[in-house]
């Protein structure tokens, strides 16, 4: 029987563009030797299918790196940027249709969660939200690396999982273009980044974000 706290399989079967705003407010759980760390997802980016020039799987490119994107929704896609920083994505959608949502910012739920994240993150400067207000930062704070690539996110007992959190209908969500995808041609300006307006853990606040108006 499925644990009722786990995120709905229906959400994980949606396309990246549908799932990205719906993952906001949900709970990411990392299991460590020091205990569980629970955090709230604040910011996401959609990388949707073979037609998306911003996606690693553009043109149905299947490589050792991208193969996990072709799995059915509910597993982690973890890759390196600049050869040193891990990034966590939630694979969504149907099998053989490469859909993934990049997790760009998370917020610790409790003081204990924050303490553990600070322990793993190591020294950092500036505001408190710099703990996990970016994809590389949050992976360091949660000890997420390539060893978790392909990890199921939809079951109990593993090192990483997704649980139901806030009611998305109650969140003030905005959308704007994605970040650092200058290579993506006509897809550069697609408003496929989503975040909770006013939250300090947003990695980069857009100058002119638009309210998310599609039906949730």
C-alpha atoms as a PDB file:
ATOM      1  CA  UNK A   1       0.000   0.000   0.000  1.00  0.00           C
ATOM      2  CA  UNK A   2       1.359   3.429  -0.905  1.00  0.00           C
ATOM      3  CA  UNK A   3       2.323   5.678   1.995  1.00  0.00           C
ATOM      4  CA  UNK A   4      -0.224   8.503   2.082  1.00  0.00           C
ATOM      5  CA  UNK A   5       2.498  11.116   2.713  1.00  0.00           C
ATOM      6  CA  UNK A   6       4.205  10.444  -0.585  1.00  0.00           C
ATOM      7  CA  UNK A   7       3.621  12.780  -3.480  1.00  0.00           C
ATOM      8  CA  UNK A   8       0.778  11.747  -5.746  1.00  0.00           C
ATOM      9  CA  UNK A   9       1.831   9.486  -8.651  1.00  0.00           C
ATOM     10  CA  UNK A  10      -0.535  11.546 -10.820  1.00  0.00           C
ATOM     11  CA  UNK A  11       1.702  14.595 -10.394  1.00  0.00           C
ATOM     12  CA  UNK A  12       4.831  12.652 -11.325  1.00  0.00           C
ATOM     13  CA  UNK A  13       3.158  11.350 -14.481  1.00  0.00           C
ATOM     14  CA  UNK A  14       2.522  14.867 -15.798  1.00  0.00           C
ATOM     15  CA  UNK A  15       4.720  16.674 -18.299  1.00  0.00           C
ATOM     16  CA  UNK A  16       7.551  18.837 -16.964  1.00  0.00           C
ATOM     17  CA  UNK A  17       5.691  22.028 -17.826  1.00  0.00           C
ATOM     18  CA  UNK A  18       2.636  20.831 -15.893  1.00  0.00           C
ATOM     19  CA  UNK A  19       4.596  19.406 -12.971  1.00  0.00           C
ATOM     20  CA  UNK A  20       7.099  22.234 -12.402  1.00  0.00           C
ATOM     21  CA  UNK A  21       4.662  24.712 -10.753  1.00  0.00           C
ATOM     22  CA  UNK A  22       2.914  21.888  -8.912  1.00  0.00           C
ATOM     23  CA  UNK A  23       6.140  20.779  -7.259  1.00  0.00           C
ATOM     24  CA  UNK A  24       6.375  24.152  -5.526  1.00  0.00           C
ATOM     25  CA  UNK A  25       5.572  23.862  -1.836  1.00  0.00           C
ATOM     26  CA  UNK A  26       6.074  20.101  -1.835  1.00  0.00           C
ATOM     27  CA  UNK A  27       8.516  18.450   0.567  1.00  0.00           C
ATOM     28  CA  UNK A  28      11.888  17.039  -0.437  1.00  0.00           C
ATOM     29  CA  UNK A  29      13.220  14.545   2.118  1.00  0.00           C
ATOM     30  CA  UNK A  30      16.878  13.504   2.306  1.00  0.00           C
ATOM     31  CA  UNK A  31      17.795  10.603   4.582  1.00  0.00           C
ATOM     32  CA  UNK A  32      21.294  10.868   6.084  1.00  0.00           C
ATOM     33  CA  UNK A  33      23.306   9.156   8.808  1.00  0.00           C
ATOM     34  CA  UNK A  34      22.451  12.134  11.013  1.00  0.00           C
ATOM     35  CA  UNK A  35      18.722  11.798  10.397  1.00  0.00           C
ATOM     36  CA  UNK A  36      16.161  13.039   7.896  1.00  0.00           C
ATOM     37  CA  UNK A  37      16.367  16.508   6.395  1.00  0.00           C
ATOM     38  CA  UNK A  38      13.073  17.957   5.212  1.00  0.00           C
ATOM     39  CA  UNK A  39      12.783  21.034   3.026  1.00  0.00           C
ATOM     40  CA  UNK A  40      10.195  22.882   0.992  1.00  0.00           C
ATOM     41  CA  UNK A  41      10.616  23.287  -2.751  1.00  0.00           C
ATOM     42  CA  UNK A  42      10.659  26.993  -3.606  1.00  0.00           C
ATOM     43  CA  UNK A  43      11.828  27.245  -7.219  1.00  0.00           C
ATOM     44  CA  UNK A  44      11.746  24.949 -10.255  1.00  0.00           C
ATOM     45  CA  UNK A  45      12.521  24.921 -13.975  1.00  0.00           C
ATOM     46  CA  UNK A  46      10.803  22.809 -16.617  1.00  0.00           C
ATOM     47  CA  UNK A  47      12.812  20.889 -19.235  1.00  0.00           C
ATOM     48  CA  UNK A  48      10.140  19.389 -21.367  1.00  0.00           C
ATOM     49  CA  UNK A  49      10.723  16.746 -23.947  1.00  0.00           C
ATOM     50  CA  UNK A  50      12.746  16.207 -27.078  1.00  0.00           C
ATOM     51  CA  UNK A  51      11.670  19.504 -28.676  1.00  0.00           C
ATOM     52  CA  UNK A  52      13.100  21.671 -25.852  1.00  0.00           C
ATOM     53  CA  UNK A  53      16.434  23.084 -27.013  1.00  0.00           C
ATOM     54  CA  UNK A  54      17.344  23.795 -23.411  1.00  0.00           C
ATOM     55  CA  UNK A  55      17.093  20.123 -22.442  1.00  0.00           C
ATOM     56  CA  UNK A  56      19.969  17.670 -22.261  1.00  0.00           C
ATOM     57  CA  UNK A  57      17.710  15.268 -24.183  1.00  0.00           C
ATOM     58  CA  UNK A  58      16.896  17.694 -27.019  1.00  0.00           C
ATOM     59  CA  UNK A  59      16.263  15.732 -30.201  1.00  0.00           C
ATOM     60  CA  UNK A  60      15.757  12.532 -28.176  1.00  0.00           C
ATOM     61  CA  UNK A  61      19.486  12.469 -27.420  1.00  0.00           C
ATOM     62  CA  UNK A  62      20.081   9.258 -25.454  1.00  0.00           C
ATOM     63  CA  UNK A  63      23.468   9.027 -23.777  1.00  0.00           C
ATOM     64  CA  UNK A  64      24.795   7.522 -20.564  1.00  0.00           C
ATOM     65  CA  UNK A  65      24.076  10.891 -18.977  1.00  0.00           C
ATOM     66  CA  UNK A  66      20.532  11.410 -20.272  1.00  0.00           C
ATOM     67  CA  UNK A  67      19.207   7.846 -20.242  1.00  0.00           C
ATOM     68  CA  UNK A  68      17.539   8.321 -16.841  1.00  0.00           C
ATOM     69  CA  UNK A  69      15.430  11.133 -18.344  1.00  0.00           C
ATOM     70  CA  UNK A  70      13.678   8.537 -20.483  1.00  0.00           C
ATOM     71  CA  UNK A  71      12.408   6.636 -17.440  1.00  0.00           C
ATOM     72  CA  UNK A  72       8.832   6.913 -16.216  1.00  0.00           C
ATOM     73  CA  UNK A  73       8.284   9.778 -13.784  1.00  0.00           C
ATOM     74  CA  UNK A  74       9.393   9.372 -10.200  1.00  0.00           C
ATOM     75  CA  UNK A  75      13.184   9.085 -10.224  1.00  0.00           C
ATOM     76  CA  UNK A  76      16.034  11.543  -9.677  1.00  0.00           C
ATOM     77  CA  UNK A  77      18.248  12.848 -12.485  1.00  0.00           C
ATOM     78  CA  UNK A  78      21.475  14.171 -10.956  1.00  0.00           C
ATOM     79  CA  UNK A  79      24.185  15.685 -13.136  1.00  0.00           C
ATOM     80  CA  UNK A  80      27.285  17.825 -12.713  1.00  0.00           C
ATOM     81  CA  UNK A  81      27.773  21.386 -13.903  1.00  0.00           C
ATOM     82  CA  UNK A  82      31.224  22.917 -14.297  1.00  0.00           C
ATOM     83  CA  UNK A  83      32.549  19.482 -13.387  1.00  0.00           C
ATOM     84  CA  UNK A  84      31.971  20.075  -9.678  1.00  0.00           C
ATOM     85  CA  UNK A  85      28.404  21.070  -8.711  1.00  0.00           C
ATOM     86  CA  UNK A  86      25.555  18.554  -8.601  1.00  0.00           C
ATOM     87  CA  UNK A  87      22.046  19.494  -9.762  1.00  0.00           C
ATOM     88  CA  UNK A  88      18.878  17.606  -8.814  1.00  0.00           C
ATOM     89  CA  UNK A  89      16.033  17.046 -11.273  1.00  0.00           C
ATOM     90  CA  UNK A  90      12.758  15.195 -10.819  1.00  0.00           C
ATOM     91  CA  UNK A  91      12.042  12.993 -13.843  1.00  0.00           C
ATOM     92  CA  UNK A  92       8.343  13.213 -14.710  1.00  0.00           C
ATOM     93  CA  UNK A  93       6.001  12.071 -17.461  1.00  0.00           C
ATOM     94  CA  UNK A  94       5.731   8.829 -19.361  1.00  0.00           C
ATOM     95  CA  UNK A  95       8.542   6.418 -20.181  1.00  0.00           C
ATOM     96  CA  UNK A  96      10.545   7.258 -23.335  1.00  0.00           C
ATOM     97  CA  UNK A  97       9.455  10.909 -23.228  1.00  0.00           C
ATOM     98  CA  UNK A  98      12.371  12.821 -21.630  1.00  0.00           C
ATOM     99  CA  UNK A  99      10.775  15.211 -19.147  1.00  0.00           C
ATOM    100  CA  UNK A 100      12.505  16.619 -16.070  1.00  0.00           C
ATOM    101  CA  UNK A 101      12.085  19.430 -13.547  1.00  0.00           C
ATOM    102  CA  UNK A 102      15.189  21.088 -12.123  1.00  0.00           C
ATOM    103  CA  UNK A 103      14.946  21.933  -8.414  1.00  0.00           C
ATOM    104  CA  UNK A 104      16.510  25.389  -8.096  1.00  0.00           C
ATOM    105  CA  UNK A 105      15.749  26.396  -4.500  1.00  0.00           C
ATOM    106  CA  UNK A 106      14.609  24.791  -1.246  1.00  0.00           C
ATOM    107  CA  UNK A 107      13.886  26.050   2.267  1.00  0.00           C
ATOM    108  CA  UNK A 108      14.570  23.998   5.439  1.00  0.00           C
ATOM    109  CA  UNK A 109      11.360  23.261   7.311  1.00  0.00           C
ATOM    110  CA  UNK A 110      12.749  23.351  10.863  1.00  0.00           C
ATOM    111  CA  UNK A 111      15.739  24.637  12.793  1.00  0.00           C
ATOM    112  CA  UNK A 112      17.058  21.067  12.991  1.00  0.00           C
ATOM    113  CA  UNK A 113      16.804  20.702   9.215  1.00  0.00           C
ATOM    114  CA  UNK A 114      18.711  23.948   8.800  1.00  0.00           C
ATOM    115  CA  UNK A 115      21.415  22.829  11.240  1.00  0.00           C
ATOM    116  CA  UNK A 116      22.067  19.627   9.295  1.00  0.00           C
ATOM    117  CA  UNK A 117      22.046  21.468   5.982  1.00  0.00           C
ATOM    118  CA  UNK A 118      24.590  23.962   7.318  1.00  0.00           C
ATOM    119  CA  UNK A 119      26.787  21.098   8.499  1.00  0.00           C
ATOM    120  CA  UNK A 120      26.864  19.572   5.022  1.00  0.00           C
ATOM    121  CA  UNK A 121      26.986  22.829   3.110  1.00  0.00           C
ATOM    122  CA  UNK A 122      30.046  24.120   4.922  1.00  0.00           C
ATOM    123  CA  UNK A 123      30.990  27.775   5.256  1.00  0.00           C
ATOM    124  CA  UNK A 124      29.162  30.277   3.080  1.00  0.00           C
ATOM    125  CA  UNK A 125      28.864  34.042   3.178  1.00  0.00           C
ATOM    126  CA  UNK A 126      26.027  36.513   2.809  1.00  0.00           C
ATOM    127  CA  UNK A 127      22.380  36.079   3.712  1.00  0.00           C
ATOM    128  CA  UNK A 128      20.995  32.990   5.445  1.00  0.00           C
ATOM    129  CA  UNK A 129      19.082  31.935   2.318  1.00  0.00           C
ATOM    130  CA  UNK A 130      22.418  31.369   0.534  1.00  0.00           C
ATOM    131  CA  UNK A 131      22.325  28.017   2.274  1.00  0.00           C
ATOM    132  CA  UNK A 132      20.142  26.521  -0.457  1.00  0.00           C
ATOM    133  CA  UNK A 133      18.945  29.217  -2.886  1.00  0.00           C
ATOM    134  CA  UNK A 134      20.461  27.635  -5.985  1.00  0.00           C
ATOM    135  CA  UNK A 135      20.672  24.162  -7.540  1.00  0.00           C
ATOM    136  CA  UNK A 136      24.323  23.543  -6.664  1.00  0.00           C
ATOM    137  CA  UNK A 137      23.943  25.011  -3.185  1.00  0.00           C
ATOM    138  CA  UNK A 138      20.966  22.862  -2.247  1.00  0.00           C
ATOM    139  CA  UNK A 139      22.684  19.700  -3.441  1.00  0.00           C
ATOM    140  CA  UNK A 140      25.706  20.440  -1.253  1.00  0.00           C
ATOM    141  CA  UNK A 141      23.445  21.220   1.714  1.00  0.00           C
ATOM    142  CA  UNK A 142      21.541  17.950   1.227  1.00  0.00           C
ATOM    143  CA  UNK A 143      24.542  15.797   0.258  1.00  0.00           C
ATOM    144  CA  UNK A 144      23.067  15.012  -3.121  1.00  0.00           C
ATOM    145  CA  UNK A 145      25.532  13.793  -5.726  1.00  0.00           C
ATOM    146  CA  UNK A 146      25.728  11.479  -8.734  1.00  0.00           C
ATOM    147  CA  UNK A 147      25.418   8.424  -6.504  1.00  0.00           C
ATOM    148  CA  UNK A 148      21.699   9.311  -6.260  1.00  0.00           C
ATOM    149  CA  UNK A 149      21.166   9.434 -10.023  1.00  0.00           C
ATOM    150  CA  UNK A 150      18.194   7.196 -10.814  1.00  0.00           C
ATOM    151  CA  UNK A 151      17.106   7.040  -7.161  1.00  0.00           C
ATOM    152  CA  UNK A 152      13.331   6.453  -6.806  1.00  0.00           C
ATOM    153  CA  UNK A 153      11.584   9.473  -5.297  1.00  0.00           C
ATOM    154  CA  UNK A 154       8.185   7.843  -4.927  1.00  0.00           C
ATOM    155  CA  UNK A 155       8.780   5.289  -2.201  1.00  0.00           C
ATOM    156  CA  UNK A 156       9.672   5.088   1.481  1.00  0.00           C
ATOM    157  CA  UNK A 157      12.918   3.582   2.696  1.00  0.00           C
ATOM    158  CA  UNK A 158      15.280   5.178   0.199  1.00  0.00           C
ATOM    159  CA  UNK A 159      17.779   8.013   0.632  1.00  0.00           C
ATOM    160  CA  UNK A 160      15.637  10.596  -1.169  1.00  0.00           C
ATOM    161  CA  UNK A 161      11.893  11.033  -1.590  1.00  0.00           C
ATOM    162  CA  UNK A 162       9.120  13.516  -2.317  1.00  0.00           C
ATOM    163  CA  UNK A 163       6.191  14.038   0.033  1.00  0.00           C
ATOM    164  CA  UNK A 164       3.031  16.099  -0.226  1.00  0.00           C
ATOM    165  CA  UNK A 165       3.383  19.569   1.280  1.00  0.00           C
ATOM    166  CA  UNK A 166       1.500  22.808   0.718  1.00  0.00           C
ATOM    167  CA  UNK A 167      -1.703  23.123  -1.248  1.00  0.00           C
ATOM    168  CA  UNK A 168      -0.415  24.657  -4.477  1.00  0.00           C
ATOM    169  CA  UNK A 169      -3.654  26.586  -4.876  1.00  0.00           C
ATOM    170  CA  UNK A 170      -2.672  28.672  -1.837  1.00  0.00           C
ATOM    171  CA  UNK A 171       0.720  29.742  -3.191  1.00  0.00           C
ATOM    172  CA  UNK A 172       1.571  32.963  -5.015  1.00  0.00           C
ATOM    173  CA  UNK A 173       3.432  31.525  -8.006  1.00  0.00           C
ATOM    174  CA  UNK A 174       5.182  33.511 -10.703  1.00  0.00           C
ATOM    175  CA  UNK A 175       6.851  32.398 -13.912  1.00  0.00           C
ATOM    176  CA  UNK A 176       9.690  33.787 -16.003  1.00  0.00           C
ATOM    177  CA  UNK A 177      12.468  32.642 -18.385  1.00  0.00           C
ATOM    178  CA  UNK A 178      14.942  29.997 -17.301  1.00  0.00           C
ATOM    179  CA  UNK A 179      18.515  30.808 -16.329  1.00  0.00           C
ATOM    180  CA  UNK A 180      21.846  30.144 -18.088  1.00  0.00           C
ATOM    181  CA  UNK A 181      20.484  28.528 -21.248  1.00  0.00           C
ATOM    182  CA  UNK A 182      21.747  30.990 -23.857  1.00  0.00           C
ATOM    183  CA  UNK A 183      22.352  28.043 -26.191  1.00  0.00           C
ATOM    184  CA  UNK A 184      18.629  27.181 -26.353  1.00  0.00           C
ATOM    185  CA  UNK A 185      17.667  29.235 -29.411  1.00  0.00           C
ATOM    186  CA  UNK A 186      13.983  30.101 -29.550  1.00  0.00           C
ATOM    187  CA  UNK A 187      13.509  28.382 -26.184  1.00  0.00           C
ATOM    188  CA  UNK A 188      15.657  30.874 -24.276  1.00  0.00           C
ATOM    189  CA  UNK A 189      12.722  33.141 -23.445  1.00  0.00           C
ATOM    190  CA  UNK A 190      10.135  30.461 -22.687  1.00  0.00           C
ATOM    191  CA  UNK A 191       8.684  31.337 -19.259  1.00  0.00           C
ATOM    192  CA  UNK A 192       9.406  27.918 -17.817  1.00  0.00           C
ATOM    193  CA  UNK A 193      10.939  28.895 -14.469  1.00  0.00           C
ATOM    194  CA  UNK A 194       8.521  29.010 -11.544  1.00  0.00           C
ATOM    195  CA  UNK A 195       8.933  30.216  -7.980  1.00  0.00           C
ATOM    196  CA  UNK A 196       7.019  31.233  -4.875  1.00  0.00           C
ATOM    197  CA  UNK A 197       6.806  35.005  -4.950  1.00  0.00           C
ATOM    198  CA  UNK A 198       8.520  36.798  -2.081  1.00  0.00           C
ATOM    199  CA  UNK A 199      10.343  33.751  -0.738  1.00  0.00           C
ATOM    200  CA  UNK A 200      13.987  34.503   0.204  1.00  0.00           C
ATOM    201  CA  UNK A 201      15.216  31.122  -1.048  1.00  0.00           C
ATOM    202  CA  UNK A 202      14.571  31.983  -4.701  1.00  0.00           C
ATOM    203  CA  UNK A 203      17.939  31.827  -6.478  1.00  0.00           C
ATOM    204  CA  UNK A 204      17.417  34.788  -8.835  1.00  0.00           C
ATOM    205  CA  UNK A 205      14.407  37.074  -8.701  1.00  0.00           C
ATOM    206  CA  UNK A 206      13.248  38.085 -12.160  1.00  0.00           C
ATOM    207  CA  UNK A 207      12.811  41.812 -12.882  1.00  0.00           C
ATOM    208  CA  UNK A 208       9.415  41.320 -14.474  1.00  0.00           C
ATOM    209  CA  UNK A 209       7.859  37.980 -13.489  1.00  0.00           C
ATOM    210  CA  UNK A 210       4.335  37.150 -14.569  1.00  0.00           C
ATOM    211  CA  UNK A 211       1.694  35.620 -12.280  1.00  0.00           C
ATOM    212  CA  UNK A 212       1.217  31.948 -13.061  1.00  0.00           C
ATOM    213  CA  UNK A 213      -2.261  31.892 -14.579  1.00  0.00           C
ATOM    214  CA  UNK A 214      -2.700  28.367 -15.858  1.00  0.00           C
ATOM    215  CA  UNK A 215      -5.116  26.160 -14.037  1.00  0.00           C
ATOM    216  CA  UNK A 216      -3.569  24.127 -11.245  1.00  0.00           C
END
